[in-house]
C-alpha atoms as a PDB file:
ATOM      1  CA  MET A   1       5.449  14.795   0.474  1.00  0.00           C
ATOM      2  CA  ASP A   2       8.974  14.421  -0.891  1.00  0.00           C
ATOM      3  CA  LEU A   3       8.823  14.321  -4.718  1.00  0.00           C
ATOM      4  CA  ILE A   4      11.701  11.858  -5.160  1.00  0.00           C
ATOM      5  CA  LEU A   5      10.240   9.535  -2.538  1.00  0.00           C
ATOM      6  CA  ALA A   6       6.835   9.816  -4.226  1.00  0.00           C
ATOM      7  CA  LEU A   7       8.348   8.856  -7.581  1.00  0.00           C
ATOM      8  CA  LYS A   8       9.994   5.832  -5.947  1.00  0.00           C
ATOM      9  CA  ALA A   9       6.647   4.888  -4.385  1.00  0.00           C
ATOM     10  CA  LEU A  10       4.982   5.236  -7.792  1.00  0.00           C
ATOM     11  CA  LEU A  11       7.625   3.004  -9.393  1.00  0.00           C
ATOM     12  CA  LEU A  12       7.294   0.333  -6.720  1.00  0.00           C
ATOM     13  CA  GLY A  13       3.500   0.432  -7.045  1.00  0.00           C
ATOM     14  CA  VAL A  14       3.765  -0.160 -10.784  1.00  0.00           C
ATOM     15  CA  VAL A  15       6.267  -2.998 -10.213  1.00  0.00           C
ATOM     16  CA  GLU A  16       3.909  -4.635  -7.695  1.00  0.00           C
ATOM     17  CA  GLY A  17       0.884  -4.276  -9.964  1.00  0.00           C
ATOM     18  CA  LEU A  18       2.612  -5.649 -13.052  1.00  0.00           C
ATOM     19  CA  THR A  19       4.189  -8.634 -11.296  1.00  0.00           C
ATOM     20  CA  GLU A  20       1.671  -9.764  -8.656  1.00  0.00           C
ATOM     21  CA  PHE A  21      -0.330 -11.966 -11.034  1.00  0.00           C
ATOM     22  CA  LEU A  22       2.393 -12.988 -13.485  1.00  0.00           C
ATOM     23  CA  PRO A  23       4.543 -16.093 -12.808  1.00  0.00           C
ATOM     24  CA  ILE A  24       7.626 -13.934 -12.216  1.00  0.00           C
ATOM     25  CA  SER A  25       7.374 -13.056  -8.478  1.00  0.00           C
ATOM     26  CA  SER A  26       6.206  -9.662  -7.270  1.00  0.00           C
ATOM     27  CA  THR A  27       8.098 -10.055  -3.988  1.00  0.00           C
ATOM     28  CA  GLY A  28      11.328 -10.796  -5.823  1.00  0.00           C
ATOM     29  CA  HIS A  29      10.920  -7.803  -8.109  1.00  0.00           C
ATOM     30  CA  LEU A  30      10.106  -5.507  -5.200  1.00  0.00           C
ATOM     31  CA  ILE A  31      13.196  -6.617  -3.272  1.00  0.00           C
ATOM     32  CA  VAL A  32      15.417  -5.962  -6.283  1.00  0.00           C
ATOM     33  CA  ALA A  33      13.649  -2.690  -7.197  1.00  0.00           C
ATOM     34  CA  GLU A  34      13.913  -1.372  -3.638  1.00  0.00           C
ATOM     35  CA  ASP A  35      17.611  -2.153  -3.639  1.00  0.00           C
ATOM     36  CA  LEU A  36      18.182  -0.460  -7.016  1.00  0.00           C
ATOM     37  CA  VAL A  37      16.361   2.807  -6.208  1.00  0.00           C
ATOM     38  CA  ARG A  38      17.528   2.823  -2.575  1.00  0.00           C
ATOM     39  CA  PHE A  39      13.979   3.036  -1.268  1.00  0.00           C
ATOM     40  CA  ARG A  40      14.359   3.776   2.433  1.00  0.00           C
ATOM     41  CA  LEU A  41      11.231   4.309   4.483  1.00  0.00           C
ATOM     42  CA  GLY A  42      10.673   3.780   8.178  1.00  0.00           C
ATOM     43  CA  SER A  43       7.220   2.377   7.438  1.00  0.00           C
ATOM     44  CA  ARG A  44       8.525   0.198   4.597  1.00  0.00           C
ATOM     45  CA  GLU A  45       6.632  -2.950   5.631  1.00  0.00           C
ATOM     46  CA  ALA A  46       3.358  -1.057   5.890  1.00  0.00           C
ATOM     47  CA  PHE A  47       3.971   0.510   2.470  1.00  0.00           C
ATOM     48  CA  ILE A  48       4.518  -2.878   0.840  1.00  0.00           C
ATOM     49  CA  ILE A  49       1.299  -4.087   2.445  1.00  0.00           C
ATOM     50  CA  ALA A  50      -0.545  -1.067   1.057  1.00  0.00           C
ATOM     51  CA  ILE A  51       0.560  -1.595  -2.538  1.00  0.00           C
ATOM     52  CA  GLN A  52      -0.183  -5.318  -2.346  1.00  0.00           C
ATOM     53  CA  GLY A  53      -3.673  -4.353  -1.205  1.00  0.00           C
ATOM     54  CA  GLY A  54      -3.981  -2.069  -4.225  1.00  0.00           C
ATOM     55  CA  ALA A  55      -3.036  -4.919  -6.560  1.00  0.00           C
ATOM     56  CA  ILE A  56      -5.472  -7.394  -5.036  1.00  0.00           C
ATOM     57  CA  LEU A  57      -8.297  -4.854  -5.223  1.00  0.00           C
ATOM     58  CA  ALA A  58      -7.732  -4.801  -8.986  1.00  0.00           C
ATOM     59  CA  VAL A  59      -8.492  -8.511  -9.379  1.00  0.00           C
ATOM     60  CA  CYS A  60     -11.469  -8.163  -7.034  1.00  0.00           C
ATOM     61  CA  TRP A  61     -12.776  -5.392  -9.274  1.00  0.00           C
ATOM     62  CA  GLU A  62     -12.162  -7.407 -12.446  1.00  0.00           C
ATOM     63  CA  TYR A  63     -14.092 -10.401 -11.041  1.00  0.00           C
ATOM     64  CA  ARG A  64     -16.653  -8.397  -9.067  1.00  0.00           C
ATOM     65  CA  ALA A  65     -19.624  -9.925 -10.917  1.00  0.00           C
ATOM     66  CA  ARG A  66     -18.497 -13.503 -10.242  1.00  0.00           C
ATOM     67  CA  LEU A  67     -17.609 -12.668  -6.638  1.00  0.00           C
ATOM     68  CA  LEU A  68     -21.093 -11.260  -6.046  1.00  0.00           C
ATOM     69  CA  LYS A  69     -22.621 -14.307  -7.716  1.00  0.00           C
ATOM     70  CA  MET A  70     -20.558 -16.589  -5.474  1.00  0.00           C
ATOM     71  CA  LEU A  71     -21.535 -14.707  -2.313  1.00  0.00           C
ATOM     72  CA  ARG A  72     -25.228 -14.759  -3.246  1.00  0.00           C
ATOM     73  CA  GLY A  73     -25.071 -18.452  -4.084  1.00  0.00           C
ATOM     74  CA  LEU A  74     -23.362 -19.637  -0.903  1.00  0.00           C
ATOM     75  CA  ALA A  75     -26.675 -20.634   0.622  1.00  0.00           C
ATOM     76  CA  ASN A  76     -28.219 -22.582  -2.260  1.00  0.00           C
ATOM     77  CA  ASP A  77     -25.964 -22.812  -5.351  1.00  0.00           C
ATOM     78  CA  ALA A  78     -23.829 -25.964  -5.410  1.00  0.00           C
ATOM     79  CA  THR A  79     -21.450 -24.579  -8.058  1.00  0.00           C
ATOM     80  CA  GLU A  80     -20.737 -21.401  -6.087  1.00  0.00           C
ATOM     81  CA  GLN A  81     -20.451 -23.346  -2.843  1.00  0.00           C
ATOM     82  CA  ARG A  82     -17.886 -25.663  -4.428  1.00  0.00           C
ATOM     83  CA  LEU A  83     -15.803 -22.735  -5.703  1.00  0.00           C
ATOM     84  CA  ALA A  84     -15.840 -21.084  -2.279  1.00  0.00           C
ATOM     85  CA  VAL A  85     -14.828 -24.315  -0.534  1.00  0.00           C
ATOM     86  CA  ASN A  86     -12.060 -24.949  -3.071  1.00  0.00           C
ATOM     87  CA  VAL A  87     -10.601 -21.473  -2.559  1.00  0.00           C
ATOM     88  CA  VAL A  88     -10.601 -21.939   1.232  1.00  0.00           C
ATOM     89  CA  VAL A  89      -9.025 -25.406   0.958  1.00  0.00           C
ATOM     90  CA  ALA A  90      -6.311 -24.127  -1.382  1.00  0.00           C
ATOM     91  CA  PHE A  91      -5.655 -21.130   0.872  1.00  0.00           C
ATOM     92  CA  LEU A  92      -5.022 -23.057   4.103  1.00  0.00           C
ATOM     93  CA  PRO A  93      -1.676 -24.860   3.501  1.00  0.00           C
ATOM     94  CA  ALA A  94       0.335 -21.723   2.676  1.00  0.00           C
ATOM     95  CA  ALA A  95      -1.461 -19.741   5.383  1.00  0.00           C
ATOM     96  CA  ILE A  96      -0.473 -22.241   8.078  1.00  0.00           C
ATOM     97  CA  ILE A  97       3.097 -22.770   6.885  1.00  0.00           C
ATOM     98  CA  GLY A  98       3.553 -19.032   6.287  1.00  0.00           C
ATOM     99  CA  VAL A  99       2.639 -18.181   9.869  1.00  0.00           C
ATOM    100  CA  LEU A 100       4.884 -20.931  11.271  1.00  0.00           C
ATOM    101  CA  PHE A 101       7.976 -20.073   9.226  1.00  0.00           C
ATOM    102  CA  LYS A 102       7.612 -16.344   8.459  1.00  0.00           C
ATOM    103  CA  ARG A 103      10.459 -15.290  10.737  1.00  0.00           C
ATOM    104  CA  VAL A 104      12.891 -17.806   9.244  1.00  0.00           C
ATOM    105  CA  ILE A 105      11.952 -16.794   5.686  1.00  0.00           C
ATOM    106  CA  ASP A 106      12.267 -13.072   6.453  1.00  0.00           C
ATOM    107  CA  THR A 107      15.648 -13.559   8.107  1.00  0.00           C
ATOM    108  CA  TYR A 108      17.414 -15.720   5.539  1.00  0.00           C
ATOM    109  CA  LEU A 109      15.678 -15.353   2.168  1.00  0.00           C
ATOM    110  CA  PHE A 110      14.597 -11.709   1.796  1.00  0.00           C
ATOM    111  CA  SER A 111      17.641 -10.442  -0.102  1.00  0.00           C
ATOM    112  CA  PRO A 112      18.464 -10.120  -3.825  1.00  0.00           C
ATOM    113  CA  LEU A 113      20.814 -13.106  -4.214  1.00  0.00           C
ATOM    114  CA  PRO A 114      18.490 -15.808  -2.799  1.00  0.00           C
ATOM    115  CA  VAL A 115      15.683 -14.204  -4.812  1.00  0.00           C
ATOM    116  CA  ALA A 116      17.759 -14.337  -8.009  1.00  0.00           C
ATOM    117  CA  THR A 117      18.493 -18.017  -7.408  1.00  0.00           C
ATOM    118  CA  ALA A 118      14.765 -18.703  -6.974  1.00  0.00           C
ATOM    119  CA  PHE A 119      14.110 -16.797 -10.211  1.00  0.00           C
ATOM    120  CA  VAL A 120      16.409 -19.087 -12.173  1.00  0.00           C
ATOM    121  CA  VAL A 121      15.202 -22.313 -10.553  1.00  0.00           C
ATOM    122  CA  GLY A 122      11.557 -21.317 -11.056  1.00  0.00           C
ATOM    123  CA  GLY A 123      12.213 -20.552 -14.720  1.00  0.00           C
ATOM    124  CA  LEU A 124      13.759 -23.954 -15.246  1.00  0.00           C
ATOM    125  CA  ILE A 125      10.748 -25.628 -13.617  1.00  0.00           C
ATOM    126  CA  ILE A 126       8.349 -23.765 -15.932  1.00  0.00           C
ATOM    127  CA  LEU A 127      10.362 -24.916 -18.970  1.00  0.00           C
ATOM    128  CA  TRP A 128      10.263 -28.491 -17.664  1.00  0.00           C
ATOM    129  CA  VAL A 129       6.479 -28.411 -17.211  1.00  0.00           C
ATOM    130  CA  GLU A 130       5.965 -26.923 -20.679  1.00  0.00           C
ATOM    131  CA  LYS A 131       8.227 -29.624 -22.141  1.00  0.00           C
ATOM    132  CA  LEU A 132       6.095 -32.306 -20.461  1.00  0.00           C
ATOM    133  CA  HIS A 133       2.957 -30.803 -21.960  1.00  0.00           C
ATOM    134  CA  ALA A 134       4.456 -30.626 -25.440  1.00  0.00           C
ATOM    135  CA  ALA A 135       5.792 -34.196 -25.264  1.00  0.00           C
ATOM    136  CA  ARG A 136       2.454 -35.797 -24.418  1.00  0.00           C
ATOM    137  CA  ASP A 137       0.185 -33.527 -26.481  1.00  0.00           C
ATOM    138  CA  TYR A 138      -1.477 -32.380 -23.292  1.00  0.00           C
ATOM    139  CA  GLN A 139      -5.265 -32.377 -23.054  1.00  0.00           C
ATOM    140  CA  PRO A 140      -6.561 -30.714 -19.858  1.00  0.00           C
ATOM    141  CA  ARG A 141      -8.848 -32.663 -17.544  1.00  0.00           C
ATOM    142  CA  VAL A 142     -10.360 -29.469 -16.099  1.00  0.00           C
ATOM    143  CA  ASP A 143     -11.465 -26.723 -18.497  1.00  0.00           C
ATOM    144  CA  SER A 144     -13.198 -24.394 -16.044  1.00  0.00           C
ATOM    145  CA  ILE A 145     -12.762 -23.325 -12.412  1.00  0.00           C
ATOM    146  CA  ASP A 146     -16.255 -24.731 -11.813  1.00  0.00           C
ATOM    147  CA  GLU A 147     -14.881 -28.224 -12.550  1.00  0.00           C
ATOM    148  CA  VAL A 148     -12.071 -28.043  -9.973  1.00  0.00           C
ATOM    149  CA  THR A 149     -12.412 -30.700  -7.263  1.00  0.00           C
ATOM    150  CA  VAL A 150     -11.504 -30.364  -3.578  1.00  0.00           C
ATOM    151  CA  LEU A 151      -8.501 -32.646  -4.167  1.00  0.00           C
ATOM    152  CA  ASP A 152      -7.355 -30.423  -7.049  1.00  0.00           C
ATOM    153  CA  ALA A 153      -7.675 -27.392  -4.774  1.00  0.00           C
ATOM    154  CA  LEU A 154      -5.700 -29.044  -1.981  1.00  0.00           C
ATOM    155  CA  LYS A 155      -2.866 -29.970  -4.343  1.00  0.00           C
ATOM    156  CA  ILE A 156      -2.767 -26.426  -5.728  1.00  0.00           C
ATOM    157  CA  GLY A 157      -2.708 -25.169  -2.146  1.00  0.00           C
ATOM    158  CA  PHE A 158       0.381 -27.230  -1.391  1.00  0.00           C
ATOM    159  CA  ALA A 159       1.967 -25.985  -4.621  1.00  0.00           C
ATOM    160  CA  GLN A 160       1.346 -22.447  -3.405  1.00  0.00           C
ATOM    161  CA  CYS A 161       3.513 -23.175  -0.341  1.00  0.00           C
ATOM    162  CA  PHE A 162       6.603 -22.954  -2.562  1.00  0.00           C
ATOM    163  CA  SER A 163       5.750 -19.296  -3.155  1.00  0.00           C
ATOM    164  CA  LEU A 164       6.713 -18.569   0.438  1.00  0.00           C
ATOM    165  CA  ILE A 165      10.280 -18.623  -0.899  1.00  0.00           C
ATOM    166  CA  PRO A 166      10.848 -15.056  -2.189  1.00  0.00           C
ATOM    167  CA  GLY A 167      11.418 -15.070  -5.932  1.00  0.00           C
ATOM    168  CA  THR A 168       9.376 -18.210  -6.543  1.00  0.00           C
ATOM    169  CA  SER A 169       6.108 -16.379  -7.378  1.00  0.00           C
ATOM    170  CA  ARG A 170       2.722 -17.122  -5.837  1.00  0.00           C
ATOM    171  CA  SER A 171       0.976 -17.029  -9.204  1.00  0.00           C
ATOM    172  CA  GLY A 172       3.763 -19.062 -10.787  1.00  0.00           C
ATOM    173  CA  ALA A 173       3.539 -21.789  -8.151  1.00  0.00           C
ATOM    174  CA  THR A 174      -0.246 -22.013  -8.361  1.00  0.00           C
ATOM    175  CA  ILE A 175      -0.570 -21.760 -12.151  1.00  0.00           C
ATOM    176  CA  ILE A 176       2.230 -24.200 -12.963  1.00  0.00           C
ATOM    177  CA  GLY A 177       1.093 -26.523 -10.180  1.00  0.00           C
ATOM    178  CA  ALA A 178      -2.461 -26.430 -11.552  1.00  0.00           C
ATOM    179  CA  LEU A 179      -1.186 -27.261 -15.042  1.00  0.00           C
ATOM    180  CA  LEU A 180       0.619 -30.303 -13.645  1.00  0.00           C
ATOM    181  CA  PHE A 181      -2.575 -31.392 -11.899  1.00  0.00           C
ATOM    182  CA  GLY A 182      -4.704 -31.293 -15.063  1.00  0.00           C
ATOM    183  CA  LEU A 183      -6.180 -27.796 -15.321  1.00  0.00           C
ATOM    184  CA  SER A 184      -6.311 -25.886 -18.590  1.00  0.00           C
ATOM    185  CA  ARG A 185      -4.246 -22.708 -18.866  1.00  0.00           C
ATOM    186  CA  LYS A 186      -7.324 -20.495 -18.505  1.00  0.00           C
ATOM    187  CA  ALA A 187      -8.704 -22.473 -15.549  1.00  0.00           C
ATOM    188  CA  ALA A 188      -5.284 -22.505 -13.860  1.00  0.00           C
ATOM    189  CA  THR A 189      -4.890 -18.756 -14.313  1.00  0.00           C
ATOM    190  CA  GLU A 190      -8.404 -17.896 -13.125  1.00  0.00           C
ATOM    191  CA  PHE A 191      -8.167 -20.189 -10.093  1.00  0.00           C
ATOM    192  CA  SER A 192      -4.845 -18.512  -9.257  1.00  0.00           C
ATOM    193  CA  PHE A 193      -6.626 -15.141  -9.374  1.00  0.00           C
ATOM    194  CA  PHE A 194      -9.386 -16.336  -7.046  1.00  0.00           C
ATOM    195  CA  LEU A 195      -6.868 -17.913  -4.685  1.00  0.00           C
ATOM    196  CA  ALA A 196      -4.911 -14.648  -4.623  1.00  0.00           C
ATOM    197  CA  MET A 197      -7.853 -12.845  -3.017  1.00  0.00           C
ATOM    198  CA  PRO A 198      -7.845 -14.570   0.408  1.00  0.00           C
ATOM    199  CA  THR A 199      -4.109 -15.323   0.245  1.00  0.00           C
ATOM    200  CA  VAL A 200      -2.906 -11.779  -0.375  1.00  0.00           C
ATOM    201  CA  MET A 201      -5.686 -10.198   1.673  1.00  0.00           C
ATOM    202  CA  GLY A 202      -4.957 -12.557   4.566  1.00  0.00           C
ATOM    203  CA  ALA A 203      -1.247 -11.820   4.355  1.00  0.00           C
ATOM    204  CA  THR A 204      -2.041  -8.098   4.138  1.00  0.00           C
ATOM    205  CA  VAL A 205      -4.217  -8.100   7.261  1.00  0.00           C
ATOM    206  CA  TYR A 206      -1.694 -10.198   9.196  1.00  0.00           C
ATOM    207  CA  ALA A 207       1.259  -8.080   8.103  1.00  0.00           C
ATOM    208  CA  LEU A 208      -0.672  -4.864   8.753  1.00  0.00           C
ATOM    209  CA  TYR A 209      -1.297  -5.994  12.320  1.00  0.00           C
ATOM    210  CA  LYS A 210       2.385  -6.859  12.774  1.00  0.00           C
ATOM    211  CA  ALA A 211       3.460  -3.510  11.299  1.00  0.00           C
ATOM    212  CA  ARG A 212       0.835  -1.420  13.098  1.00  0.00           C
ATOM    213  CA  ASP A 213       3.523   0.571  14.936  1.00  0.00           C
ATOM    214  CA  GLN A 214       4.836   1.813  11.566  1.00  0.00           C
ATOM    215  CA  LEU A 215       1.561   3.460  10.543  1.00  0.00           C
ATOM    216  CA  HIS A 216       1.667   7.254  10.579  1.00  0.00           C
ATOM    217  CA  SER A 217      -0.791   9.730   9.122  1.00  0.00           C
ATOM    218  CA  ALA A 218       2.061  11.585   7.393  1.00  0.00           C
ATOM    219  CA  ASP A 219       2.682   8.528   5.190  1.00  0.00           C
ATOM    220  CA  ILE A 220      -0.899   8.332   3.852  1.00  0.00           C
ATOM    221  CA  PRO A 221      -0.203  10.359   0.648  1.00  0.00           C
ATOM    222  CA  LEU A 222       2.806   8.157  -0.138  1.00  0.00           C
ATOM    223  CA  PHE A 223       0.797   5.002   0.481  1.00  0.00           C
ATOM    224  CA  GLY A 224      -1.968   6.400  -1.735  1.00  0.00           C
ATOM    225  CA  VAL A 225       0.408   7.017  -4.643  1.00  0.00           C
ATOM    226  CA  GLY A 226       1.808   3.492  -4.478  1.00  0.00           C
ATOM    227  CA  SER A 227      -1.572   1.799  -4.000  1.00  0.00           C
ATOM    228  CA  VAL A 228      -3.288   3.604  -6.888  1.00  0.00           C
ATOM    229  CA  ALA A 229      -0.330   2.845  -9.161  1.00  0.00           C
ATOM    230  CA  ALA A 230      -0.473  -0.833  -8.125  1.00  0.00           C
ATOM    231  CA  PHE A 231      -4.245  -0.993  -8.732  1.00  0.00           C
ATOM    232  CA  ILE A 232      -4.047   0.460 -12.245  1.00  0.00           C
ATOM    233  CA  ALA A 233      -1.015  -1.611 -13.255  1.00  0.00           C
ATOM    234  CA  ALA A 234      -2.548  -4.826 -11.864  1.00  0.00           C
ATOM    235  CA  LEU A 235      -5.865  -4.238 -13.629  1.00  0.00           C
ATOM    236  CA  ILE A 236      -4.083  -3.814 -16.958  1.00  0.00           C
ATOM    237  CA  CYS A 237      -1.940  -6.885 -16.282  1.00  0.00           C
ATOM    238  CA  VAL A 238      -4.841  -9.173 -15.307  1.00  0.00           C
ATOM    239  CA  ARG A 239      -6.807  -8.332 -18.447  1.00  0.00           C
ATOM    240  CA  TRP A 240      -3.730  -8.806 -20.617  1.00  0.00           C
ATOM    241  CA  LEU A 241      -2.778 -12.124 -19.016  1.00  0.00           C
ATOM    242  CA  LEU A 242      -6.208 -13.671 -19.618  1.00  0.00           C
ATOM    243  CA  ARG A 243      -5.910 -12.833 -23.316  1.00  0.00           C
ATOM    244  CA  TYR A 244      -2.298 -14.038 -23.438  1.00  0.00           C
ATOM    245  CA  VAL A 245      -2.890 -17.494 -21.934  1.00  0.00           C
ATOM    246  CA  SER A 246      -5.633 -18.235 -24.454  1.00  0.00           C
ATOM    247  CA  ARG A 247      -3.014 -18.264 -27.233  1.00  0.00           C
ATOM    248  CA  HIS A 248       0.413 -18.805 -25.626  1.00  0.00           C
ATOM    249  CA  ASP A 249       2.271 -20.981 -23.152  1.00  0.00           C
ATOM    250  CA  PHE A 250       4.453 -19.753 -20.255  1.00  0.00           C
ATOM    251  CA  ARG A 251       7.912 -20.249 -21.783  1.00  0.00           C
ATOM    252  CA  ALA A 252       8.434 -16.506 -22.282  1.00  0.00           C
ATOM    253  CA  PHE A 253       8.023 -15.965 -18.536  1.00  0.00           C
ATOM    254  CA  ALA A 254      10.451 -18.790 -17.834  1.00  0.00           C
ATOM    255  CA  TRP A 255      13.170 -17.256 -20.002  1.00  0.00           C
ATOM    256  CA  TYR A 256      12.521 -13.840 -18.493  1.00  0.00           C
ATOM    257  CA  ARG A 257      13.017 -15.314 -15.006  1.00  0.00           C
ATOM    258  CA  ILE A 258      16.232 -17.073 -16.006  1.00  0.00           C
ATOM    259  CA  VAL A 259      17.724 -13.989 -17.673  1.00  0.00           C
ATOM    260  CA  PHE A 260      16.629 -11.613 -14.887  1.00  0.00           C
ATOM    261  CA  GLY A 261      17.956 -13.841 -12.129  1.00  0.00           C
ATOM    262  CA  GLY A 262      21.091 -14.660 -14.106  1.00  0.00           C
ATOM    263  CA  VAL A 263      21.931 -10.981 -14.559  1.00  0.00           C
ATOM    264  CA  ILE A 264      21.687 -10.379 -10.815  1.00  0.00           C
ATOM    265  CA  LEU A 265      23.858 -13.400  -9.995  1.00  0.00           C
ATOM    266  CA  LEU A 266      26.408 -12.503 -12.702  1.00  0.00           C
ATOM    267  CA  THR A 267      26.730  -8.845 -11.648  1.00  0.00           C
ATOM    268  CA  ALA A 268      27.151  -9.971  -8.049  1.00  0.00           C
ATOM    269  CA  GLN A 269      29.788 -12.545  -8.989  1.00  0.00           C
ATOM    270  CA  LEU A 270      31.751 -10.008 -11.074  1.00  0.00           C
ATOM    271  CA  GLY A 271      31.458  -7.358  -8.379  1.00  0.00           C
ATOM    272  CA  TRP A 272      29.657  -4.877 -10.653  1.00  0.00           C
ATOM    273  CA  VAL A 273      26.747  -4.432  -8.227  1.00  0.00           C
ATOM    274  CA  ASP A 274      26.784  -4.854  -4.465  1.00  0.00           C
ATOM    275  CA  TRP A 275      23.450  -6.582  -3.907  1.00  0.00           C
ATOM    276  CA  THR A 276      24.167  -7.091  -0.206  1.00  0.00           C
ATOM    277  CA  ASP A 277      24.026  -3.385   0.671  1.00  0.00           C
END
């Protein structure tokens, strides 16, 4: 295994793990990071799938007790049945639209400049939502994921569709959408975590099937490095985010998005970095 390539895989795994569940777009960061470190791999799509799988396994591990409780209660526990139904309902809109428009999105939006634009726009939307909350002394209607209704789940599912635009952020779209629809910060964040499980796993299985020709046994060590790095980084990030949202709003993430995206757009405009290479 090439050491330099392994270090790049490690870096990209950490980037994926740290950004998958924050409202700052893991896909956008990976596109920019790949461009910066010149990560070139014939099985690139399969590698990205592998590290996304590592990140989603982290949230499954963190919520393993509740997941087991939900699975055991599917037959006779109304609360667990409702949570399972809500996750499925919220999952479907983005799944359907993603399959229908994947080729168009991949062709026109998977490059640093469109991603940077989505970063800035998404940051502005987060600031707008936080301003609305501050102006009306917001009191959440839903304090726990167990109180989420099917209609709430459907609306969050449609909000998640915006995350199909690279740089928008799946967690950002679902968390901010949930806040608009009346969920508390903790409930919005936890529901986003639960929704990530079928969403990212479904996308992983679908993309793995599409990229099956790229899979080679020689790449397994490289995939392992990236996946383990993504798992560890995501586990740390999930635990930190749950503590963070109990005391803070999301403005810091909004400003980060605006500055990050603005730097990319500015360096491109001034010709300092060729982001089209």
